[in-house]
Protein backbone atom coordinates (compact mmCIF):
# COMPACT_ATOMS: atom_id res chain seq x y z
CA MET A 1 76.06 95.52 -59.73
CA SER A 2 73.24 93.04 -59.57
CA ASN A 3 73.55 90.23 -56.97
CA LYS A 4 70.89 88.13 -58.60
CA GLY A 5 73.35 85.37 -59.49
CA THR A 6 74.42 84.96 -55.84
CA GLN A 7 70.91 84.56 -54.40
CA LEU A 8 70.17 81.23 -52.77
CA PRO A 9 66.96 79.51 -53.93
CA ARG A 10 64.41 79.23 -51.06
CA ARG A 11 64.24 75.39 -51.15
CA ARG A 12 68.09 75.15 -50.87
CA PHE A 13 68.14 77.78 -48.10
CA LEU A 14 65.66 75.82 -45.98
CA LYS A 15 67.53 72.54 -46.52
CA THR A 16 70.86 74.15 -45.52
CA ALA A 17 69.38 75.82 -42.46
CA LEU A 18 67.77 72.55 -41.27
CA SER A 19 71.03 70.65 -41.69
CA ALA A 20 72.90 73.27 -39.69
CA ALA A 21 70.30 73.23 -36.91
CA SER A 22 70.51 69.42 -36.74
CA ALA A 23 74.23 69.50 -36.54
CA ALA A 24 74.01 72.05 -33.69
CA VAL A 25 71.67 69.88 -31.73
CA MET A 26 73.73 66.79 -32.21
CA ALA A 27 77.07 68.45 -31.40
CA PRO A 28 78.32 67.94 -27.83
CA THR A 29 77.95 70.95 -25.51
CA ILE A 30 80.81 71.37 -23.10
CA ILE A 31 79.65 72.82 -19.73
CA PRO A 32 82.28 73.34 -16.96
CA SER A 33 81.65 71.10 -13.91
CA SER A 34 81.77 74.24 -11.73
CA ALA A 35 78.64 75.54 -13.49
CA LEU A 36 76.79 72.36 -12.63
CA GLY A 37 77.96 72.17 -9.03
CA LEU A 38 79.97 68.96 -9.62
CA GLU A 39 83.25 67.72 -8.17
CA GLY A 40 82.61 69.52 -4.85
CA THR A 41 81.95 72.89 -6.40
CA VAL A 42 78.79 74.99 -5.88
CA ALA A 43 76.68 75.93 -8.86
CA PRO A 44 76.52 79.70 -9.52
CA SER A 45 72.77 79.71 -8.91
CA GLU A 46 73.41 78.45 -5.36
CA ARG A 47 76.16 80.90 -4.45
CA ILE A 48 75.61 83.89 -2.15
CA ILE A 49 77.02 87.06 -3.67
CA VAL A 50 78.69 89.10 -0.90
CA GLY A 51 80.04 92.69 -0.79
CA GLY A 52 82.19 94.17 1.98
CA ILE A 53 82.12 97.63 3.50
CA GLY A 54 84.89 99.03 5.62
CA ILE A 55 87.43 96.22 5.36
CA GLY A 56 90.19 97.12 7.79
CA ASN A 57 91.98 94.93 10.30
CA ARG A 58 88.99 93.05 11.67
CA GLY A 59 87.23 93.16 8.28
CA LEU A 60 90.21 91.46 6.63
CA TYR A 61 89.98 88.62 9.13
CA ASP A 62 86.18 88.28 8.54
CA LEU A 63 86.80 88.40 4.80
CA GLY A 64 89.24 85.51 5.06
CA CYS A 65 86.56 83.47 6.84
CA PHE A 66 83.98 84.28 4.18
CA LEU A 67 86.45 83.32 1.39
CA GLU A 68 86.85 79.93 2.96
CA GLN A 69 83.20 79.16 2.16
CA SER A 70 82.69 77.51 -1.19
CA ASP A 71 79.11 78.73 -1.59
CA ILE A 72 79.88 82.47 -1.60
CA ARG A 73 81.32 84.78 -4.16
CA PHE A 74 82.87 88.07 -2.95
CA ALA A 75 82.07 90.57 -5.64
CA ALA A 76 82.84 94.07 -4.38
CA VAL A 77 84.62 96.09 -1.71
CA CYS A 78 83.78 99.56 -0.45
CA ASP A 79 86.13 101.57 1.72
CA VAL A 80 86.84 105.28 2.20
CA LYS A 81 90.59 104.48 2.02
CA GLU A 82 92.10 103.81 -1.40
CA ALA A 83 94.84 101.55 0.07
CA ARG A 84 92.25 99.31 1.66
CA ARG A 85 90.19 99.06 -1.51
CA THR A 86 93.18 98.00 -3.61
CA LEU A 87 94.41 95.60 -0.93
CA VAL A 88 91.11 93.78 -0.70
CA LYS A 89 90.70 93.67 -4.52
CA LYS A 90 94.14 92.09 -4.81
CA MET A 91 93.36 89.54 -2.08
CA VAL A 92 89.96 88.50 -3.65
CA ASP A 93 91.21 88.43 -7.24
CA GLU A 94 94.13 86.20 -6.27
CA LYS A 95 91.75 83.89 -4.46
CA TYR A 96 89.47 83.44 -7.45
CA GLY A 97 92.07 83.86 -10.20
CA THR A 98 90.16 86.69 -11.82
CA ASP A 99 90.13 90.48 -12.02
CA LYS A 100 86.43 90.91 -11.19
CA CYS A 101 86.32 92.31 -7.65
CA ASP A 102 84.87 95.75 -8.01
CA MET A 103 85.88 98.75 -5.85
CA HIS A 104 83.59 101.50 -4.52
CA ARG A 105 84.27 104.48 -2.35
CA ASP A 106 80.59 105.21 -1.53
CA TYR A 107 78.80 102.38 0.21
CA ARG A 108 75.48 103.43 -1.40
CA GLU A 109 76.84 102.40 -4.82
CA LEU A 110 77.44 98.91 -3.46
CA LEU A 111 74.04 98.70 -1.90
CA ASP A 112 72.39 99.79 -5.14
CA ARG A 113 73.78 96.68 -6.94
CA SER A 114 71.08 94.14 -7.66
CA ASP A 115 73.62 91.29 -7.78
CA ILE A 116 74.67 91.65 -4.13
CA ASP A 117 72.77 89.29 -1.77
CA ALA A 118 74.58 90.02 1.53
CA VAL A 119 77.07 92.47 2.99
CA LEU A 120 79.87 92.27 5.55
CA ILE A 121 79.94 95.55 7.49
CA ALA A 122 83.26 96.04 9.34
CA THR A 123 83.59 99.79 9.58
CA GLY A 124 84.06 101.54 12.87
CA PRO A 125 81.05 101.46 15.30
CA ASN A 126 80.11 104.99 14.20
CA TRP A 127 78.75 103.52 10.95
CA HIS A 128 77.49 100.14 11.95
CA CYS A 129 73.85 100.91 12.68
CA THR A 130 73.35 103.41 9.87
CA MET A 131 74.84 101.13 7.24
CA SER A 132 73.02 98.04 8.51
CA MET A 133 69.71 99.85 8.24
CA ALA A 134 70.56 101.10 4.77
CA ALA A 135 71.55 97.55 3.73
CA ALA A 136 68.28 96.08 5.12
CA LYS A 137 66.21 98.66 3.23
CA ALA A 138 68.16 97.82 0.10
CA GLY A 139 67.16 94.13 0.50
CA LYS A 140 70.58 92.85 1.63
CA ASP A 141 71.25 90.40 4.44
CA ILE A 142 73.83 91.62 6.94
CA TYR A 143 76.83 90.39 8.90
CA CYS A 144 77.76 93.37 11.07
CA GLU A 145 80.78 93.65 13.36
CA LYS A 146 80.25 94.69 16.93
CA PRO A 147 79.45 96.88 18.71
CA CYS A 148 76.43 97.21 16.35
CA THR A 149 75.04 100.43 17.84
CA LYS A 150 76.31 103.54 19.65
CA ASN A 151 73.28 104.05 21.90
CA ILE A 152 69.98 102.64 23.06
CA GLU A 153 67.84 104.35 20.45
CA GLN A 154 69.94 102.96 17.66
CA SER A 155 69.59 99.48 19.12
CA LEU A 156 65.79 99.72 19.10
CA ILE A 157 65.57 101.23 15.61
CA LEU A 158 67.92 98.64 14.13
CA ARG A 159 65.96 95.79 15.75
CA ASP A 160 62.65 97.10 14.32
CA THR A 161 64.11 97.74 10.86
CA ILE A 162 65.46 94.19 10.51
CA LYS A 163 62.11 92.81 11.59
CA ARG A 164 60.14 95.05 9.21
CA THR A 165 62.35 94.30 6.23
CA ALA A 166 62.60 90.48 7.05
CA ARG A 167 66.37 90.51 6.48
CA ILE A 168 68.83 88.13 8.03
CA PHE A 169 71.08 89.94 10.53
CA GLN A 170 74.05 88.41 12.42
CA ALA A 171 76.02 90.53 14.90
CA GLY A 172 79.71 89.64 14.92
CA THR A 173 79.66 88.21 18.47
CA GLN A 174 81.11 84.95 17.21
CA ARG A 175 81.54 83.26 20.58
CA ARG A 176 77.93 82.08 20.41
CA ASN A 177 79.08 79.60 17.83
CA LEU A 178 82.01 78.22 19.80
CA PRO A 179 81.29 74.82 21.43
CA HIS A 180 82.42 75.39 25.01
CA PHE A 181 80.70 78.79 25.32
CA ALA A 182 77.55 77.32 23.78
CA PHE A 183 77.61 74.42 26.20
CA ALA A 184 78.12 76.68 29.24
CA CYS A 185 75.13 78.74 28.16
CA GLU A 186 73.08 75.57 27.57
CA LEU A 187 73.76 74.44 31.15
CA ALA A 188 72.42 77.78 32.39
CA ARG A 189 69.41 77.92 30.09
CA THR A 190 68.24 74.37 30.67
CA GLY A 191 68.31 74.54 34.47
CA ARG A 192 71.30 72.24 34.94
CA LEU A 193 72.76 74.82 37.28
CA GLY A 194 69.50 75.24 39.18
CA LYS A 195 67.76 78.58 39.24
CA LEU A 196 70.14 81.13 37.72
CA LYS A 197 71.19 83.70 40.36
CA LYS A 198 74.21 85.56 38.89
CA VAL A 199 75.85 85.90 35.54
CA PHE A 200 79.25 87.57 35.25
CA ALA A 201 80.68 89.48 32.30
CA HIS A 202 84.21 90.89 31.74
CA PRO A 203 83.92 94.47 30.32
CA ALA A 204 87.67 95.01 29.87
CA GLY A 205 87.46 98.62 30.88
CA MET A 206 85.04 100.50 33.12
CA LYS A 207 85.79 104.13 32.29
CA SER A 208 83.51 106.24 30.08
CA MET A 209 84.68 109.62 28.92
CA LEU A 210 83.52 112.01 26.26
CA SER A 211 85.53 111.94 23.08
CA GLY A 212 88.05 114.68 22.66
CA TRP A 213 89.18 117.00 19.83
CA LEU A 214 92.53 116.44 18.18
CA PRO A 215 94.64 119.14 16.47
CA ALA A 216 93.86 119.78 12.81
CA GLU A 217 96.17 118.25 10.21
CA PRO A 218 96.15 118.61 6.40
CA GLU A 219 93.32 116.55 4.95
CA PRO A 220 94.26 113.94 2.21
CA GLU A 221 92.75 113.94 -1.22
CA LYS A 222 89.25 112.51 -1.20
CA GLU A 223 90.16 109.59 -3.42
CA VAL A 224 92.97 108.61 -0.94
CA VAL A 225 90.91 109.04 2.24
CA ASP A 226 87.36 110.31 2.06
CA PHE A 227 87.36 111.81 5.56
CA ASP A 228 83.88 113.40 5.33
CA THR A 229 82.37 109.95 4.59
CA TYR A 230 84.58 108.46 7.28
CA LEU A 231 82.99 110.79 9.84
CA GLY A 232 79.53 110.03 8.42
CA PRO A 233 76.90 110.55 11.11
CA ALA A 234 79.45 111.66 13.75
CA ALA A 235 79.73 115.28 14.79
CA TRP A 236 82.25 117.13 12.59
CA ARG A 237 85.83 117.57 13.70
CA PRO A 238 89.00 118.46 11.86
CA PHE A 239 91.08 115.74 10.17
CA ASN A 240 93.77 114.09 12.27
CA LYS A 241 95.35 110.79 11.09
CA ALA A 242 94.89 109.37 14.62
CA LEU A 243 91.13 109.51 14.11
CA LEU A 244 91.43 106.93 11.34
CA ALA A 245 91.92 104.29 13.96
CA GLY A 246 88.23 104.75 14.77
CA PHE A 247 87.06 104.93 18.37
CA HIS A 248 89.84 105.14 20.93
CA PHE A 249 90.61 103.45 24.21
CA GLU A 250 92.89 104.56 26.94
CA LYS A 251 94.02 101.89 29.37
CA GLY A 252 90.91 100.56 31.01
CA GLY A 253 88.33 102.73 29.42
CA GLY A 254 86.67 104.15 26.31
CA PHE A 255 85.08 107.23 24.91
CA ILE A 256 81.45 108.07 24.43
CA GLY A 257 80.88 110.34 21.43
CA ALA A 258 82.17 110.57 17.89
CA PHE A 259 83.30 107.01 17.22
CA GLY A 260 82.54 104.93 20.22
CA ALA A 261 80.05 104.33 23.04
CA GLY A 262 81.99 103.74 26.22
CA GLY A 263 84.34 101.27 27.82
CA VAL A 264 81.82 98.62 28.80
CA LEU A 265 80.61 98.14 25.24
CA GLU A 266 83.68 96.85 23.49
CA TRP A 267 84.14 93.57 25.42
CA GLY A 268 80.64 93.72 26.79
CA SER A 269 79.29 93.20 23.29
CA HIS A 270 80.69 89.75 23.58
CA CYS A 271 80.55 88.91 27.27
CA VAL A 272 77.18 90.46 28.02
CA ASP A 273 75.81 88.82 24.89
CA LEU A 274 76.81 85.42 26.34
CA CYS A 275 75.25 86.30 29.64
CA GLN A 276 72.05 87.30 27.95
CA TRP A 277 72.07 83.98 26.07
CA ALA A 278 72.52 82.14 29.36
CA MET A 279 69.52 84.02 30.69
CA GLY A 280 67.43 82.81 27.68
CA ASP A 281 67.85 86.00 25.63
CA CYS A 282 65.52 87.83 28.04
CA GLU A 283 64.95 91.59 28.28
CA PRO A 284 67.88 93.63 29.62
CA PRO A 285 68.30 94.29 33.32
CA ILE A 286 66.14 97.03 34.89
CA GLU A 287 68.59 98.44 37.42
CA TYR A 288 72.24 99.50 37.03
CA ASN A 289 74.54 100.57 39.84
CA PRO A 290 77.92 102.37 39.67
CA PRO A 291 81.01 100.21 40.25
CA GLN A 292 82.15 99.26 43.71
CA ASP A 293 85.44 97.43 44.13
CA GLY A 294 85.65 96.74 40.40
CA HIS A 295 82.10 95.33 40.18
CA LEU A 296 79.18 97.01 38.41
CA VAL A 297 75.97 95.18 39.38
CA ALA A 298 72.81 95.22 37.25
CA LYS A 299 69.58 93.48 38.25
CA TYR A 300 67.04 91.67 36.05
CA ALA A 301 63.29 91.87 36.72
CA ASN A 302 63.34 88.33 38.16
CA GLY A 303 65.96 89.28 40.74
CA SER A 304 68.95 87.67 39.02
CA GLU A 305 72.12 89.80 38.72
CA LEU A 306 74.37 90.65 35.79
CA ILE A 307 77.74 91.53 37.24
CA PHE A 308 80.44 93.36 35.21
CA ARG A 309 83.76 92.66 36.87
CA GLU A 310 87.44 93.25 36.01
CA LYS A 311 89.13 90.85 38.45
CA ASP A 312 88.76 87.53 40.31
CA TRP A 313 88.53 85.43 37.17
CA ILE A 314 89.77 81.89 36.81
CA PRO A 315 92.64 82.17 34.21
CA LEU A 316 90.78 80.75 31.18
CA GLY A 317 91.74 83.32 28.62
CA SER A 318 90.14 86.56 27.44
CA CYS A 319 86.41 87.28 27.31
CA PRO A 320 85.58 85.19 30.40
CA VAL A 321 82.02 84.64 31.55
CA ARG A 322 80.65 82.82 34.65
CA PHE A 323 77.13 81.56 35.36
CA GLU A 324 76.04 80.72 38.90
CA GLY A 325 72.82 78.88 39.79
CA GLU A 326 71.42 77.51 43.05
CA THR A 327 73.01 74.07 42.51
CA GLY A 328 76.04 74.69 40.33
CA TRP A 329 78.23 77.02 38.31
CA VAL A 330 80.38 77.16 35.17
CA GLU A 331 83.09 79.48 34.00
CA ALA A 332 84.58 79.69 30.48
CA GLY A 333 87.02 81.82 28.45
CA ASP A 334 88.78 82.07 25.16
CA SER A 335 91.23 79.23 25.94
CA GLY A 336 88.46 76.91 24.89
CA LYS A 337 88.35 75.43 28.41
CA MET A 338 85.65 75.42 31.09
CA VAL A 339 85.71 74.92 34.83
CA LEU A 340 82.54 73.45 36.36
CA SER A 341 81.37 73.09 39.94
CA SER A 342 80.88 69.33 39.39
CA PRO A 343 82.07 66.92 36.66
CA GLU A 344 78.58 65.48 36.60
CA LEU A 345 77.48 68.57 34.66
CA LEU A 346 79.24 67.13 31.66
CA ALA A 347 77.09 63.97 31.92
CA GLY A 348 79.48 61.96 29.78
CA ARG A 349 79.62 64.60 27.03
CA THR A 350 82.87 65.71 25.43
CA VAL A 351 82.87 69.36 24.59
CA LEU A 352 85.27 70.32 21.81
CA GLU A 353 87.89 72.82 22.95
CA ILE A 354 88.64 75.46 20.33
CA GLY A 355 91.14 78.04 21.58
CA GLY A 356 90.97 81.69 20.51
CA TYR A 357 87.81 83.07 19.04
CA PRO A 358 87.51 82.05 15.38
CA ALA A 359 84.61 83.56 13.45
CA THR A 360 84.35 80.77 10.81
CA PHE A 361 81.52 78.95 12.58
CA HIS A 362 79.65 82.15 13.19
CA ILE A 363 79.92 83.19 9.53
CA ARG A 364 78.84 79.67 8.46
CA ASP A 365 75.75 80.09 10.71
CA PHE A 366 74.96 83.39 9.01
CA LEU A 367 75.27 81.93 5.53
CA ASP A 368 73.14 78.91 6.33
CA CYS A 369 70.46 81.28 7.65
CA VAL A 370 70.64 83.38 4.54
CA LYS A 371 69.67 80.22 2.61
CA THR A 372 67.05 78.89 5.00
CA ARG A 373 65.68 82.34 6.13
CA SER A 374 65.90 81.17 9.74
CA GLN A 375 67.24 83.31 12.63
CA PRO A 376 71.01 83.19 13.27
CA LYS A 377 72.51 82.81 16.71
CA THR A 378 73.04 86.59 17.30
CA ASN A 379 70.03 87.97 15.50
CA ALA A 380 68.89 91.58 15.73
CA LEU A 381 66.69 91.07 18.78
CA ALA A 382 69.37 89.33 20.73
CA ALA A 383 71.93 91.94 19.72
CA CYS A 384 69.53 94.74 20.74
CA ASN A 385 68.96 93.40 24.20
CA ALA A 386 72.64 92.81 24.87
CA HIS A 387 73.67 96.19 23.58
CA ILE A 388 71.00 98.00 25.64
CA ALA A 389 72.43 96.34 28.77
CA CYS A 390 75.92 97.64 27.87
CA HIS A 391 74.69 101.14 27.00
CA ALA A 392 72.69 101.42 30.23
CA ALA A 393 75.71 100.24 32.21
CA ASN A 394 77.84 102.84 30.53
CA ILE A 395 75.32 105.58 31.44
CA ALA A 396 75.37 104.52 35.08
CA LEU A 397 79.18 104.47 34.90
CA TYR A 398 79.31 107.95 33.29
CA LEU A 399 76.77 109.54 35.64
CA ASN A 400 78.31 107.60 38.57
CA ARG A 401 74.94 106.74 40.12
CA GLN A 402 72.14 104.22 39.88
CA VAL A 403 69.83 104.32 36.86
CA LYS A 404 66.58 102.34 36.41
CA TYR A 405 65.39 101.16 32.99
CA ASP A 406 61.84 100.42 31.91
CA ASN A 407 61.75 97.73 29.19
CA LYS A 408 58.15 98.61 28.28
CA THR A 409 58.81 102.23 27.46
CA ASN A 410 62.56 101.80 26.76
CA THR A 411 63.34 104.82 28.89
CA PHE A 412 65.02 105.46 32.18
CA ILE A 413 62.49 106.08 34.99
CA ASP A 414 62.21 109.72 36.10
CA ASP A 415 65.77 110.45 34.90
CA GLU A 416 66.17 113.19 32.37
CA PRO A 417 70.03 113.22 32.31
CA ALA A 418 70.06 109.43 31.64
CA ASN A 419 67.37 109.71 29.01
CA ARG A 420 69.31 112.38 27.13
CA MET A 421 72.04 109.78 26.68
CA ARG A 422 69.68 107.25 25.05
CA SER A 423 70.35 108.79 21.62
CA GLU A 424 72.34 111.46 19.84
CA ALA A 425 71.92 113.83 16.88
CA LEU A 426 73.36 112.66 13.57
CA ARG A 427 75.26 114.93 11.28
CA GLU A 428 73.52 115.94 8.03
CA PRO A 429 72.53 114.34 5.74
CA TRP A 430 72.53 111.00 7.59
CA ARG A 431 69.36 109.65 9.06
CA LEU A 432 68.19 106.38 10.67
């Protein structure tokens, strides 16, 4: 059948098309206020898209702090455990009122996504360095829980990788962004205490043992728990559900090996980090001595001392630190309170007391730096130096003798046994 009778003359076609176009231009276009960043919302173009890897107990807390920020969008979760993936997806989707949080079992899939700007890494310490480096190479900014590395060599390689890739890195030592700790460190750094002589850190455990080998149990289906990926770079061992708790602590100590890096590192990641900040984020100490009467003493190149101690603290809460100078001292802890040698050190200032150790301020610092490309409080260099101090102390603790560290060569001086503990072999196919 011919359609000749239904053809529209060219002149009438042009007239109809122009009329339709004019109507489209004149018709009101309804754009949601959220898309324009109005009414307190953040425009999509200004939002930081975040993915999370290894979101367990600590990771869930961090995730909650991220979700409080109006300028982020949490887009994907990766975890080797199916139950955790589904839990996080439910939490995020309920927050946003959508069904768009994606789930991944393999972290490399998440890092391959071009829409992800930054990642929260909250796996066990076994994975922290390897995943942070992979994220940096993939062009992502990184908020990594502590401890960030398992040994000295990892600390140095991570520092150099972050610098080379120009990524933003924030270690999860959130006390740097709590007002009373920051003020105590400022007193030390600015000379208000006189020349700094001693800084004290609480390690919460000064025992370092090699990790053990638990009895083999039936391994779950890979989709339920991907145990091979859970082990990752760690030396292989048979599945045991107790291993899923990550690195393990006995009372007063920790393991060096598969999942952890020794007793000093866990709390030391926080307390030594604050001591390093009080010292002006200088290079780590150069001499480490085994404990005597509950005190492990390390010495800086300028003669000041970093003292790890378990007792004799003023009761100011967990994670206490103390800074002593020639003319004054200050001590602070997680209660949010400080004790000072003289009230004049406050100089009329009121320091906000925030009890506990919330991470919200630290995460906000990270996100602001992602936008400005400035260095966050606990950047990769600061984290490297604090971690090296903890690792070296653990080595002195494990060898039960003095070790001397050269910050120029990043090796122990004439000490083959100590140098063998600077690094460890990684299981195939993982590489730094």
